[in-house]
Protein backbone atom coordinates (compact mmCIF):
# COMPACT_ATOMS: atom_id res chain seq x y z
CA MET A 1 1.81 -87.98 18.64
CA THR A 2 4.56 -88.92 21.08
CA CYS A 3 8.09 -87.50 20.89
CA CYS A 4 10.69 -90.14 20.00
CA ARG A 5 13.28 -88.52 22.31
CA CYS A 6 11.51 -87.41 25.51
CA GLY A 7 8.29 -89.43 25.24
CA ARG A 8 6.00 -86.46 25.88
CA ALA A 9 3.06 -85.53 23.69
CA ALA A 10 4.14 -83.43 20.72
CA GLU A 11 1.51 -80.80 19.93
CA VAL A 12 3.46 -79.67 16.88
CA PRO A 13 5.38 -82.78 15.75
CA VAL A 14 8.61 -82.39 13.79
CA LEU A 15 9.78 -85.12 11.43
CA VAL A 16 13.37 -85.76 12.51
CA ARG A 17 14.30 -88.99 10.78
CA ILE A 18 13.09 -91.06 7.84
CA ILE A 19 13.62 -94.78 8.27
CA GLU A 20 13.97 -96.71 5.04
CA THR A 21 12.97 -100.36 5.05
CA ILE A 22 13.87 -103.16 2.69
CA SER A 23 10.24 -104.05 2.14
CA GLY A 24 7.21 -101.92 2.72
CA PRO A 25 6.77 -98.18 3.07
CA MET A 26 9.22 -95.84 4.75
CA ARG A 27 8.32 -94.52 8.17
CA GLY A 28 9.38 -91.51 10.16
CA ASN A 29 10.37 -90.58 13.69
CA TYR A 30 8.69 -87.50 15.08
CA ALA A 31 9.73 -85.26 17.98
CA CYS A 32 8.31 -82.31 19.89
CA LEU A 33 9.66 -78.93 18.80
CA PRO A 34 12.36 -78.60 21.54
CA CYS A 35 13.66 -82.11 20.85
CA GLY A 36 13.38 -81.45 17.10
CA GLN A 37 15.67 -78.47 17.57
CA TRP A 38 18.09 -80.72 19.46
CA PHE A 39 18.09 -83.20 16.55
CA GLY A 40 18.56 -80.30 14.10
CA SER A 41 21.61 -78.99 15.98
CA ARG A 42 23.50 -82.25 15.67
CA ALA A 43 26.33 -82.48 13.15
CA ASP A 44 24.71 -85.49 11.43
CA ALA A 45 21.30 -83.81 11.04
CA PRO A 46 19.96 -83.95 7.49
CA ASP A 47 19.78 -80.69 5.57
CA TRP A 48 16.00 -81.00 5.10
CA LEU A 49 15.54 -81.00 8.89
CA LYS A 50 17.61 -77.85 9.30
CA ARG A 51 15.59 -76.14 6.52
CA ASP A 52 12.29 -77.21 8.11
CA LEU A 53 13.28 -75.88 11.52
CA LEU A 54 14.49 -72.60 10.00
CA ALA A 55 11.18 -72.21 8.13
CA ARG A 56 9.25 -72.83 11.37
CA GLU A 57 11.30 -70.19 13.19
CA SER A 58 10.78 -67.59 10.47
CA ALA A 59 7.03 -68.29 10.38
CA GLN A 60 6.64 -67.43 14.07
């Protein structure tokens, strides 16, 4: 999978955004872990992303 921010291959992809569409299924944007942490540090980051990143950190 390719990171939506830096364009590099993401070995451990992180879902950073869910895109809702008017018709059809929702889709998501995925990032590599460093870029996922960048997305998670933003003020407008969704709570579920912050929880996911925290769970990944505690699992390591």
